[in-house]
Amino acid sequence: MGLVNASDYVHSLDFAHALASSVALVRLHYPEASVNLTPWRDDPQTRMWSEAESLDMSFHFPGWSPRLQCRSLLLQLRLSGEEVGSVKPHLLGVVIRGMTYEGERWRLATVGEWKPTGDYLPEPVHLLQLKEICRELFSLFPPSHEIF
């Protein structure tokens, strides 16, 4: 499968609703950000770095965000392998990366203690906000087929 632009997997009403809700959730916290549901190019170099079961979207700020120490957020939703592309996806985890034109500045993953890594971390209050976004994302993707 490889890197998956979020727009590539909008093929059911349930999935489209979950994806739209994900975008709305981030935009609720960061209304100035514009969304890109196709953050990856389809070329050999990009495919070389592919990550299976990842649904990716990005959010771009109109300029530098000093509170987040980045210009863009890359949001990667890790979905269960057998359900990727199914009507009812199951969210296994979230990775949010703070990006600039130079690359990744920091990363927050929903594993372990949810501790951010990187040289230029967001302000503490905004780290809490990013963690809240992650918790809310888990509520959008139910834990089993029966709940969706």
C-alpha atoms as a PDB file:
ATOM      1  CA  MET A   1       0.000   0.000   0.000  1.00  0.00           C
ATOM      2  CA  GLY A   2       2.550   2.649   1.046  1.00  0.00           C
ATOM      3  CA  LEU A   3       2.078   6.302   1.812  1.00  0.00           C
ATOM      4  CA  VAL A   4      -1.597   7.009   1.666  1.00  0.00           C
ATOM      5  CA  ASN A   5      -2.947  10.436   0.968  1.00  0.00           C
ATOM      6  CA  ALA A   6      -6.160  10.803   2.942  1.00  0.00           C
ATOM      7  CA  SER A   7      -8.121  11.704  -0.176  1.00  0.00           C
ATOM      8  CA  ASP A   8      -7.260   8.324  -1.739  1.00  0.00           C
ATOM      9  CA  TYR A   9      -9.432   6.437   0.729  1.00  0.00           C
ATOM     10  CA  VAL A  10     -12.672   8.390   0.753  1.00  0.00           C
ATOM     11  CA  HIS A  11     -14.829   5.655  -0.744  1.00  0.00           C
ATOM     12  CA  SER A  12     -17.651   5.234   1.780  1.00  0.00           C
ATOM     13  CA  LEU A  13     -19.950   7.579   3.653  1.00  0.00           C
ATOM     14  CA  ASP A  14     -18.683   6.361   7.058  1.00  0.00           C
ATOM     15  CA  PHE A  15     -15.057   6.837   6.093  1.00  0.00           C
ATOM     16  CA  ALA A  16     -15.720  10.246   4.510  1.00  0.00           C
ATOM     17  CA  HIS A  17     -17.489  11.315   7.697  1.00  0.00           C
ATOM     18  CA  ALA A  18     -14.595  10.175   9.910  1.00  0.00           C
ATOM     19  CA  LEU A  19     -12.075  11.930   7.663  1.00  0.00           C
ATOM     20  CA  ALA A  20     -14.119  15.145   7.528  1.00  0.00           C
ATOM     21  CA  SER A  21     -14.525  14.999  11.304  1.00  0.00           C
ATOM     22  CA  SER A  22     -10.751  14.596  11.688  1.00  0.00           C
ATOM     23  CA  VAL A  23     -10.143  17.676   9.571  1.00  0.00           C
ATOM     24  CA  ALA A  24     -12.820  19.655  11.425  1.00  0.00           C
ATOM     25  CA  LEU A  25     -11.316  18.637  14.745  1.00  0.00           C
ATOM     26  CA  VAL A  26      -7.866  19.977  13.875  1.00  0.00           C
ATOM     27  CA  ARG A  27      -9.361  23.102  12.310  1.00  0.00           C
ATOM     28  CA  LEU A  28     -11.345  23.694  15.517  1.00  0.00           C
ATOM     29  CA  HIS A  29      -8.045  23.994  17.394  1.00  0.00           C
ATOM     30  CA  TYR A  30      -6.167  25.716  14.558  1.00  0.00           C
ATOM     31  CA  PRO A  31      -8.714  27.611  12.425  1.00  0.00           C
ATOM     32  CA  GLU A  32      -6.002  29.495  10.538  1.00  0.00           C
ATOM     33  CA  ALA A  33      -4.567  26.270   9.105  1.00  0.00           C
ATOM     34  CA  SER A  34      -5.448  25.137   5.602  1.00  0.00           C
ATOM     35  CA  VAL A  35      -5.799  21.413   4.990  1.00  0.00           C
ATOM     36  CA  ASN A  36      -4.119  19.281   2.339  1.00  0.00           C
ATOM     37  CA  LEU A  37      -5.523  15.764   1.944  1.00  0.00           C
ATOM     38  CA  THR A  38      -2.794  14.862  -0.556  1.00  0.00           C
ATOM     39  CA  PRO A  39       0.500  15.745   1.176  1.00  0.00           C
ATOM     40  CA  TRP A  40       2.576  13.175  -0.733  1.00  0.00           C
ATOM     41  CA  ARG A  41       3.751  13.192  -4.330  1.00  0.00           C
ATOM     42  CA  ASP A  42       3.414   9.976  -6.286  1.00  0.00           C
ATOM     43  CA  ASP A  43       6.986   9.472  -7.411  1.00  0.00           C
ATOM     44  CA  PRO A  44       9.640   6.756  -6.954  1.00  0.00           C
ATOM     45  CA  GLN A  45      11.556   8.642  -4.250  1.00  0.00           C
ATOM     46  CA  THR A  46       8.427   9.211  -2.149  1.00  0.00           C
ATOM     47  CA  ARG A  47       7.263   5.606  -2.594  1.00  0.00           C
ATOM     48  CA  MET A  48      10.683   4.446  -1.355  1.00  0.00           C
ATOM     49  CA  TRP A  49       9.809   5.880   2.086  1.00  0.00           C
ATOM     50  CA  SER A  50       6.320   4.396   2.151  1.00  0.00           C
ATOM     51  CA  GLU A  51       4.676   3.421   5.426  1.00  0.00           C
ATOM     52  CA  ALA A  52       1.856   0.897   5.311  1.00  0.00           C
ATOM     53  CA  GLU A  53      -1.451   1.543   7.033  1.00  0.00           C
ATOM     54  CA  SER A  54      -0.936   5.294   7.333  1.00  0.00           C
ATOM     55  CA  LEU A  55      -3.596   7.787   6.335  1.00  0.00           C
ATOM     56  CA  ASP A  56      -1.881  11.152   5.926  1.00  0.00           C
ATOM     57  CA  MET A  57      -2.979  14.774   5.761  1.00  0.00           C
ATOM     58  CA  SER A  58      -1.263  18.077   6.430  1.00  0.00           C
ATOM     59  CA  PHE A  59      -2.292  21.416   7.864  1.00  0.00           C
ATOM     60  CA  HIS A  60      -0.433  24.537   6.744  1.00  0.00           C
ATOM     61  CA  PHE A  61      -0.285  27.788   8.660  1.00  0.00           C
ATOM     62  CA  PRO A  62      -0.231  31.113   6.809  1.00  0.00           C
ATOM     63  CA  GLY A  63       3.290  31.676   8.153  1.00  0.00           C
ATOM     64  CA  TRP A  64       5.513  30.630  11.017  1.00  0.00           C
ATOM     65  CA  SER A  65       3.689  29.420  14.139  1.00  0.00           C
ATOM     66  CA  PRO A  66       5.887  30.350  17.110  1.00  0.00           C
ATOM     67  CA  ARG A  67       3.596  28.523  19.537  1.00  0.00           C
ATOM     68  CA  LEU A  68       4.043  25.272  17.576  1.00  0.00           C
ATOM     69  CA  GLN A  69       7.575  25.972  16.299  1.00  0.00           C
ATOM     70  CA  CYS A  70       6.617  24.973  12.747  1.00  0.00           C
ATOM     71  CA  ARG A  71       4.873  26.032   9.541  1.00  0.00           C
ATOM     72  CA  SER A  72       2.857  22.848   9.011  1.00  0.00           C
ATOM     73  CA  LEU A  73       1.502  19.840  10.835  1.00  0.00           C
ATOM     74  CA  LEU A  74       1.713  16.431   9.190  1.00  0.00           C
ATOM     75  CA  LEU A  75      -0.980  14.240  10.710  1.00  0.00           C
ATOM     76  CA  GLN A  76      -0.611  10.492  10.172  1.00  0.00           C
ATOM     77  CA  LEU A  77      -3.390   8.182  11.300  1.00  0.00           C
ATOM     78  CA  ARG A  78      -2.205   4.593  11.724  1.00  0.00           C
ATOM     79  CA  LEU A  79      -5.033   2.229  10.843  1.00  0.00           C
ATOM     80  CA  SER A  80      -5.290  -1.497  11.441  1.00  0.00           C
ATOM     81  CA  GLY A  81      -3.911  -3.465   8.476  1.00  0.00           C
ATOM     82  CA  GLU A  82      -6.942  -5.600   7.744  1.00  0.00           C
ATOM     83  CA  GLU A  83      -9.271  -2.626   7.843  1.00  0.00           C
ATOM     84  CA  VAL A  84      -7.393  -0.037   5.800  1.00  0.00           C
ATOM     85  CA  GLY A  85      -9.652   0.797   2.909  1.00  0.00           C
ATOM     86  CA  SER A  86     -12.610  -0.926   4.558  1.00  0.00           C
ATOM     87  CA  VAL A  87     -15.830   0.866   5.336  1.00  0.00           C
ATOM     88  CA  LYS A  88     -15.059   1.112   9.059  1.00  0.00           C
ATOM     89  CA  PRO A  89     -11.393   1.870   9.828  1.00  0.00           C
ATOM     90  CA  HIS A  90      -9.851   1.221  13.249  1.00  0.00           C
ATOM     91  CA  LEU A  91      -7.346   3.772  14.568  1.00  0.00           C
ATOM     92  CA  LEU A  92      -4.244   2.218  16.132  1.00  0.00           C
ATOM     93  CA  GLY A  93      -2.286   5.406  16.694  1.00  0.00           C
ATOM     94  CA  VAL A  94      -1.553   8.962  15.688  1.00  0.00           C
ATOM     95  CA  VAL A  95       1.696  10.672  14.748  1.00  0.00           C
ATOM     96  CA  ILE A  96       1.787  14.462  14.486  1.00  0.00           C
ATOM     97  CA  ARG A  97       4.932  16.071  13.097  1.00  0.00           C
ATOM     98  CA  GLY A  98       5.820  19.748  13.181  1.00  0.00           C
ATOM     99  CA  MET A  99       7.341  20.541   9.786  1.00  0.00           C
ATOM    100  CA  THR A 100       9.170  23.369   8.042  1.00  0.00           C
ATOM    101  CA  TYR A 101      10.701  23.608   4.585  1.00  0.00           C
ATOM    102  CA  GLU A 102      13.859  22.168   6.142  1.00  0.00           C
ATOM    103  CA  GLY A 103      12.073  19.052   7.445  1.00  0.00           C
ATOM    104  CA  GLU A 104      10.785  17.705  10.747  1.00  0.00           C
ATOM    105  CA  ARG A 105      11.277  19.848  13.868  1.00  0.00           C
ATOM    106  CA  TRP A 106       9.387  17.684  16.354  1.00  0.00           C
ATOM    107  CA  ARG A 107       7.164  14.616  16.586  1.00  0.00           C
ATOM    108  CA  LEU A 108       4.371  13.474  18.902  1.00  0.00           C
ATOM    109  CA  ALA A 109       3.277   9.830  18.728  1.00  0.00           C
ATOM    110  CA  THR A 110       0.513   8.124  20.685  1.00  0.00           C
ATOM    111  CA  VAL A 111       2.716   5.347  22.010  1.00  0.00           C
ATOM    112  CA  GLY A 112       4.124   4.965  25.491  1.00  0.00           C
ATOM    113  CA  GLU A 113       3.940   8.215  27.436  1.00  0.00           C
ATOM    114  CA  TRP A 114       3.030  10.351  24.411  1.00  0.00           C
ATOM    115  CA  LYS A 115       6.249  12.348  24.903  1.00  0.00           C
ATOM    116  CA  PRO A 116       7.272  14.647  22.070  1.00  0.00           C
ATOM    117  CA  THR A 117      10.700  14.352  20.517  1.00  0.00           C
ATOM    118  CA  GLY A 118      12.718  16.869  18.551  1.00  0.00           C
ATOM    119  CA  ASP A 119      14.972  19.876  18.912  1.00  0.00           C
ATOM    120  CA  TYR A 120      12.293  22.581  18.749  1.00  0.00           C
ATOM    121  CA  LEU A 121       9.228  21.562  20.758  1.00  0.00           C
ATOM    122  CA  PRO A 122       5.941  23.475  20.853  1.00  0.00           C
ATOM    123  CA  GLU A 123       5.041  25.498  23.926  1.00  0.00           C
ATOM    124  CA  PRO A 124       3.766  23.260  26.791  1.00  0.00           C
ATOM    125  CA  VAL A 125       0.166  24.510  26.532  1.00  0.00           C
ATOM    126  CA  HIS A 126       0.152  23.631  22.831  1.00  0.00           C
ATOM    127  CA  LEU A 127       1.599  20.185  23.497  1.00  0.00           C
ATOM    128  CA  LEU A 128      -1.418  19.607  25.742  1.00  0.00           C
ATOM    129  CA  GLN A 129      -3.670  20.800  22.934  1.00  0.00           C
ATOM    130  CA  LEU A 130      -2.023  18.395  20.464  1.00  0.00           C
ATOM    131  CA  LYS A 131      -2.504  15.518  22.915  1.00  0.00           C
ATOM    132  CA  GLU A 132      -6.179  16.471  23.258  1.00  0.00           C
ATOM    133  CA  ILE A 133      -6.525  16.374  19.465  1.00  0.00           C
ATOM    134  CA  CYS A 134      -5.068  12.842  19.522  1.00  0.00           C
ATOM    135  CA  ARG A 135      -7.528  11.723  22.215  1.00  0.00           C
ATOM    136  CA  GLU A 136     -10.424  13.170  20.229  1.00  0.00           C
ATOM    137  CA  LEU A 137      -9.228  11.456  17.054  1.00  0.00           C
ATOM    138  CA  PHE A 138      -9.458   8.088  18.802  1.00  0.00           C
ATOM    139  CA  SER A 139     -13.116   8.808  19.545  1.00  0.00           C
ATOM    140  CA  LEU A 140     -13.790   9.299  15.803  1.00  0.00           C
ATOM    141  CA  PHE A 141     -12.562   5.817  14.853  1.00  0.00           C
ATOM    142  CA  PRO A 142     -14.331   3.164  16.960  1.00  0.00           C
ATOM    143  CA  PRO A 143     -12.431   0.159  18.307  1.00  0.00           C
ATOM    144  CA  SER A 144     -14.443  -2.464  16.434  1.00  0.00           C
ATOM    145  CA  HIS A 145     -16.709  -2.987  13.405  1.00  0.00           C
ATOM    146  CA  GLU A 146     -19.821  -3.240  15.570  1.00  0.00           C
ATOM    147  CA  ILE A 147     -19.550   0.285  17.001  1.00  0.00           C
ATOM    148  CA  PHE A 148     -19.162   2.339  13.820  1.00  0.00           C
END
